[in-house]
Protein backbone atom coordinates (compact mmCIF):
# COMPACT_ATOMS: atom_id res chain seq x y z
CA UNK A 1 -0.01 0.04 -0.02
CA UNK A 2 2.85 2.23 0.84
CA UNK A 3 4.32 1.72 -2.62
CA UNK A 4 0.93 2.82 -4.28
CA UNK A 5 1.15 6.03 -2.19
CA UNK A 6 4.67 6.72 -3.06
CA UNK A 7 3.99 6.16 -6.69
CA UNK A 8 1.04 8.46 -6.46
CA UNK A 9 3.23 11.09 -4.67
CA UNK A 10 6.01 10.74 -7.19
CA UNK A 11 3.46 11.05 -10.12
CA UNK A 12 2.13 14.23 -8.61
CA UNK A 13 5.62 15.66 -7.98
CA UNK A 14 6.36 15.11 -11.58
CA UNK A 15 3.13 16.47 -12.69
CA UNK A 16 3.87 19.63 -10.68
CA UNK A 17 7.39 19.90 -12.06
CA UNK A 18 6.07 19.54 -15.65
CA UNK A 19 3.54 22.32 -14.88
CA UNK A 20 6.37 24.46 -13.44
CA UNK A 21 8.44 24.05 -16.36
CA UNK A 22 5.70 24.68 -18.63
CA UNK A 23 4.99 27.80 -16.86
CA UNK A 24 8.78 28.74 -17.04
CA UNK A 25 8.99 28.04 -20.67
CA UNK A 26 5.86 30.04 -21.46
CA UNK A 27 7.12 33.03 -19.29
CA UNK A 28 10.33 32.89 -21.34
CA UNK A 29 8.64 32.73 -24.55
CA UNK A 30 6.45 35.62 -23.32
CA UNK A 31 9.60 37.47 -22.30
CA UNK A 32 11.28 36.93 -25.73
CA UNK A 33 8.16 37.91 -27.44
CA UNK A 34 8.10 41.14 -25.30
CA UNK A 35 11.70 41.94 -25.87
CA UNK A 36 11.24 41.68 -29.60
CA UNK A 37 8.56 44.19 -29.74
CA UNK A 38 10.09 47.52 -31.21
CA UNK A 39 8.43 49.77 -28.49
CA UNK A 40 8.98 50.08 -24.82
CA UNK A 41 7.05 48.10 -22.58
CA UNK A 42 6.95 47.92 -18.82
CA UNK A 43 4.76 46.60 -16.07
CA UNK A 44 3.75 48.91 -13.15
CA UNK A 45 2.49 47.44 -10.03
CA UNK A 46 1.52 49.77 -7.51
CA UNK A 47 4.03 52.51 -7.98
CA UNK A 48 7.00 50.16 -9.09
CA UNK A 49 8.31 48.87 -12.39
CA UNK A 50 8.39 45.22 -11.93
CA UNK A 51 9.25 44.40 -15.70
CA UNK A 52 10.47 46.10 -18.64
CA UNK A 53 11.40 44.79 -22.09
CA UNK A 54 14.81 45.33 -23.60
CA UNK A 55 13.68 47.97 -25.98
CA UNK A 56 12.29 49.94 -23.07
CA UNK A 57 15.37 49.69 -21.07
CA UNK A 58 17.44 50.87 -23.92
CA UNK A 59 15.04 53.75 -24.59
CA UNK A 60 15.51 54.84 -20.94
CA UNK A 61 19.32 54.74 -21.34
CA UNK A 62 20.01 51.23 -19.51
CA UNK A 63 22.01 48.52 -20.66
CA UNK A 64 19.75 45.87 -19.20
CA UNK A 65 16.29 45.58 -17.72
CA UNK A 66 17.63 44.83 -14.27
CA UNK A 67 18.83 48.64 -14.12
CA UNK A 68 15.26 49.79 -14.40
CA UNK A 69 13.32 46.92 -12.70
CA UNK A 70 12.54 48.20 -9.16
CA UNK A 71 12.57 51.69 -9.91
CA UNK A 72 9.49 53.98 -9.06
CA UNK A 73 7.56 54.52 -12.26
CA UNK A 74 7.57 58.35 -11.60
CA UNK A 75 11.27 58.39 -11.57
CA UNK A 76 11.09 57.91 -15.29
CA UNK A 77 8.82 60.80 -15.81
CA UNK A 78 9.99 64.40 -16.16
CA UNK A 79 9.01 66.37 -13.08
CA UNK A 80 6.87 68.69 -15.26
CA UNK A 81 4.58 66.00 -16.23
CA UNK A 82 4.52 63.95 -12.88
CA UNK A 83 1.13 65.58 -11.82
CA UNK A 84 -0.44 64.34 -15.09
CA UNK A 85 0.96 60.76 -14.83
CA UNK A 86 -0.35 60.54 -11.11
CA UNK A 87 -4.02 61.35 -12.53
CA UNK A 88 -3.46 58.76 -15.33
CA UNK A 89 -2.35 56.16 -12.62
CA UNK A 90 -5.34 56.89 -10.57
CA UNK A 91 -7.49 56.23 -13.46
CA UNK A 92 -5.84 53.13 -14.51
CA UNK A 93 -5.93 51.66 -10.86
CA UNK A 94 -9.70 52.11 -10.86
CA UNK A 95 -10.07 50.10 -13.94
CA UNK A 96 -10.44 53.07 -16.11
CA UNK A 97 -8.90 53.69 -19.65
CA UNK A 98 -6.63 56.46 -20.39
CA UNK A 99 -5.97 57.91 -23.93
CA UNK A 100 -2.52 58.06 -25.67
CA UNK A 101 -0.42 61.00 -24.30
CA UNK A 102 2.62 62.96 -25.41
CA UNK A 103 4.81 63.70 -22.52
CA UNK A 104 8.39 64.28 -21.31
CA UNK A 105 10.31 61.20 -19.98
CA UNK A 106 13.52 61.06 -17.99
CA UNK A 107 16.18 58.49 -18.86
CA UNK A 108 18.19 56.84 -16.35
CA UNK A 109 21.20 58.75 -17.87
CA UNK A 110 19.42 62.06 -17.36
CA UNK A 111 18.28 62.31 -20.81
CA UNK A 112 14.99 64.35 -21.47
CA UNK A 113 12.98 63.12 -24.34
CA UNK A 114 9.40 63.30 -25.63
CA UNK A 115 7.44 59.95 -25.84
CA UNK A 116 4.02 58.69 -26.85
CA UNK A 117 2.72 56.79 -23.75
CA UNK A 118 -0.27 54.76 -23.16
CA UNK A 119 -1.30 52.48 -20.16
CA UNK A 120 -3.73 49.50 -20.10
CA UNK A 121 -5.30 48.42 -16.58
CA UNK A 122 -4.22 44.93 -15.37
CA UNK A 123 -4.29 43.14 -12.04
CA UNK A 124 -1.05 41.25 -10.75
CA UNK A 125 -1.45 39.32 -7.51
CA UNK A 126 -4.76 41.07 -6.68
CA UNK A 127 -3.05 44.39 -6.86
CA UNK A 128 -4.09 47.08 -9.44
CA UNK A 129 -1.36 47.32 -12.17
CA UNK A 130 -0.66 48.64 -15.55
CA UNK A 131 1.11 47.65 -18.69
CA UNK A 132 2.57 50.76 -20.17
CA UNK A 133 3.81 51.07 -23.88
CA UNK A 134 5.93 54.04 -24.70
CA UNK A 135 7.93 55.28 -27.91
CA UNK A 136 10.73 57.77 -28.18
CA UNK A 137 9.72 60.63 -30.35
CA UNK A 138 13.19 62.13 -30.49
CA UNK A 139 13.70 61.32 -34.11
CA UNK A 140 10.15 62.38 -35.08
CA UNK A 141 10.58 65.73 -33.17
CA UNK A 142 13.89 66.46 -34.94
CA UNK A 143 12.16 65.78 -38.28
CA UNK A 144 9.27 68.08 -37.25
CA UNK A 145 11.56 70.78 -36.23
CA UNK A 146 13.58 70.34 -39.54
CA UNK A 147 10.47 70.81 -41.54
CA UNK A 148 9.33 73.76 -39.32
CA UNK A 149 12.67 75.56 -39.78
CA UNK A 150 12.65 74.77 -43.55
CA UNK A 151 9.27 76.12 -43.90
CA UNK A 152 10.12 79.13 -41.87
CA UNK A 153 13.26 79.69 -43.95
CA UNK A 154 11.12 79.33 -47.21
CA UNK A 155 8.82 81.96 -45.69
CA UNK A 156 11.69 84.33 -44.99
CA UNK A 157 13.09 83.79 -48.55
CA UNK A 158 9.56 84.64 -49.99
CA UNK A 159 9.37 87.70 -47.77
CA UNK A 160 12.88 88.71 -48.82
CA UNK A 161 11.98 88.01 -52.57
CA UNK A 162 8.74 89.87 -52.44
CA UNK A 163 10.67 92.86 -50.65
CA UNK A 164 13.34 92.75 -53.21
CA UNK A 165 10.92 92.57 -56.00
CA UNK A 166 8.73 95.45 -54.54
CA UNK A 167 12.15 97.60 -54.30
CA UNK A 168 13.30 96.80 -57.78
CA UNK A 169 10.00 97.17 -59.46
CA UNK A 170 7.99 99.79 -57.49
CA UNK A 171 4.85 101.12 -59.02
CA UNK A 172 3.47 104.46 -57.87
CA UNK A 173 0.30 106.01 -58.61
CA UNK A 174 0.53 109.68 -59.16
CA UNK A 175 -2.84 110.54 -60.05
CA UNK A 176 -6.02 108.88 -60.93
CA UNK A 177 -5.45 106.24 -63.54
CA UNK A 178 -1.79 107.41 -64.10
CA UNK A 179 1.08 105.06 -62.79
CA UNK A 180 4.95 105.49 -62.74
CA UNK A 181 7.39 102.71 -62.56
CA UNK A 182 11.01 104.08 -61.93
CA UNK A 183 13.65 101.58 -62.82
CA UNK A 184 17.14 101.90 -61.19
CA UNK A 185 20.28 99.96 -61.54
CA UNK A 186 20.87 97.09 -64.00
CA UNK A 187 18.11 95.43 -66.02
CA UNK A 188 18.09 91.95 -67.20
CA UNK A 189 15.48 89.77 -68.68
CA UNK A 190 14.69 88.28 -65.27
CA UNK A 191 14.13 91.57 -63.79
CA UNK A 192 12.06 92.86 -66.92
CA UNK A 193 9.79 89.64 -66.30
CA UNK A 194 9.22 90.66 -62.56
CA UNK A 195 8.56 94.26 -63.90
CA UNK A 196 5.97 93.11 -66.39
CA UNK A 197 4.03 91.06 -63.73
CA UNK A 198 3.93 93.99 -61.38
CA UNK A 199 3.13 96.54 -64.23
CA UNK A 200 0.24 94.35 -65.57
CA UNK A 201 -1.21 93.74 -62.26
CA UNK A 202 -1.01 97.27 -61.31
CA UNK A 203 -2.61 98.46 -64.63
CA UNK A 204 -5.40 95.98 -64.03
CA UNK A 205 -6.03 96.67 -60.34
CA UNK A 206 -5.76 100.71 -60.70
CA UNK A 207 -7.56 100.58 -64.13
CA UNK A 208 -4.69 102.92 -65.31
CA UNK A 209 -5.01 104.75 -68.48
CA UNK A 210 -1.30 105.54 -68.85
CA UNK A 211 1.62 103.83 -67.48
CA UNK A 212 5.07 105.53 -67.46
CA UNK A 213 8.21 103.39 -67.34
CA UNK A 214 10.99 105.65 -66.07
CA UNK A 215 14.43 104.28 -67.28
CA UNK A 216 16.37 107.36 -66.14
CA UNK A 217 18.06 105.41 -63.40
CA UNK A 218 19.34 102.52 -65.86
CA UNK A 219 23.00 103.23 -66.68
CA UNK A 220 23.10 100.73 -69.55
CA UNK A 221 21.15 97.87 -71.00
CA UNK A 222 21.77 94.75 -72.81
CA UNK A 223 20.07 94.33 -76.21
CA UNK A 224 17.98 91.21 -74.99
CA UNK A 225 16.76 93.15 -71.88
CA UNK A 226 16.01 96.27 -73.99
CA UNK A 227 13.88 94.21 -76.43
CA UNK A 228 12.13 92.52 -73.40
CA UNK A 229 11.37 96.02 -71.96
CA UNK A 230 9.84 97.15 -75.20
CA UNK A 231 7.78 93.99 -75.23
CA UNK A 232 6.51 94.69 -71.65
CA UNK A 233 5.35 98.00 -72.76
CA UNK A 234 3.65 96.57 -75.66
CA UNK A 235 1.98 93.95 -73.30
CA UNK A 236 0.78 96.59 -71.05
CA UNK A 237 -0.92 98.25 -74.06
CA UNK A 238 -3.05 95.22 -74.64
CA UNK A 239 -4.77 96.07 -71.36
CA UNK A 240 -5.81 99.36 -72.72
CA UNK A 241 -3.18 101.65 -71.12
CA UNK A 242 -0.98 103.88 -73.08
CA UNK A 243 2.69 103.32 -72.37
CA UNK A 244 5.25 106.18 -72.05
CA UNK A 245 8.75 105.51 -72.08
CA UNK A 246 10.74 108.09 -70.14
CA UNK A 247 14.41 109.11 -69.50
CA UNK A 248 15.93 107.15 -72.47
CA UNK A 249 19.60 107.58 -72.38
CA UNK A 250 21.77 107.97 -75.52
CA UNK A 251 23.16 104.59 -74.80
CA UNK A 252 19.93 102.97 -74.55
CA UNK A 253 18.64 104.74 -77.68
CA UNK A 254 21.54 103.45 -79.52
CA UNK A 255 20.86 100.02 -78.15
CA UNK A 256 17.45 100.15 -79.32
CA UNK A 257 18.20 101.61 -82.81
CA UNK A 258 21.28 99.46 -83.37
CA UNK A 259 19.36 96.25 -82.45
CA UNK A 260 16.28 97.09 -84.59
CA UNK A 261 14.02 96.95 -81.70
CA UNK A 262 10.61 98.43 -82.84
CA UNK A 263 9.21 101.02 -80.46
CA UNK A 264 6.18 101.89 -82.65
CA UNK A 265 3.03 102.59 -80.60
CA UNK A 266 5.27 103.65 -77.37
CA UNK A 267 5.39 107.42 -76.60
CA UNK A 268 9.00 108.31 -75.73
CA UNK A 269 9.67 111.25 -73.57
CA UNK A 270 13.12 112.80 -72.45
CA UNK A 271 12.46 113.34 -68.70
CA UNK A 272 10.01 111.93 -66.18
CA UNK A 273 8.65 115.56 -65.75
CA UNK A 274 7.85 115.62 -69.35
CA UNK A 275 6.18 112.17 -68.96
CA UNK A 276 4.01 113.07 -66.22
CA UNK A 277 2.85 116.55 -67.84
CA UNK A 278 1.98 114.52 -70.92
CA UNK A 279 -0.09 111.78 -68.87
CA UNK A 280 -1.86 114.65 -66.96
CA UNK A 281 -2.76 116.28 -70.48
CA UNK A 282 -4.22 113.01 -71.71
CA UNK A 283 -6.39 112.49 -68.78
């Protein structure tokens, strides 16, 4: 009889050992799976971190999970956000759900970083606990900052370009339906194109009858730019505005004549004063 009892005890012991080994194997598989997840995961029981996966330990600046396990969960949260986390912990401990939150965390090495974090309420040994997932947003924040800086720089460049365009191609209303565009400095085809855009828009918006292009301040001009300037003047006439070319220098006259640039249909005046007087007399 005692042999039967011994056999039963031995079988029970073997069954318990198999169950223990199966549980350990399951825990090891679970741990391996958790370590393979590319986000940080830790288990908080009460206020203490009782488990963290390898990814989470690395995010927090630790070489191994053992350096984090046993720490208070609030110790990995930046002081500015600990009040928020305490409120989230209270809701989780009561079985409630909390939304994902972006907050600042504190690494074991003192590094401060932003992270996406979310907690799921669980129970461990009858105690309220939470499984917390978190993701380092450092690279994302750097990318967003780089984009923001690039957009800001683009805006600044656009403002600078708009300012330079306004300075290089000013359009001045001198009276009702009479506009003057004084040009100063070197003129190339690119600047003439900007001038044409401003001139045509100004004629349209002001409903100008006469547009004066004053070239007194242009010391010299290349043939291509001179041709473009005349084309701009003729384009303005298509909107119903008479174009007056003012302050043509001998060098520019020579360039226009020598290049065979046709100025027919464009009124030419020697000075801006003469051009304004002519325009006022035509109103």
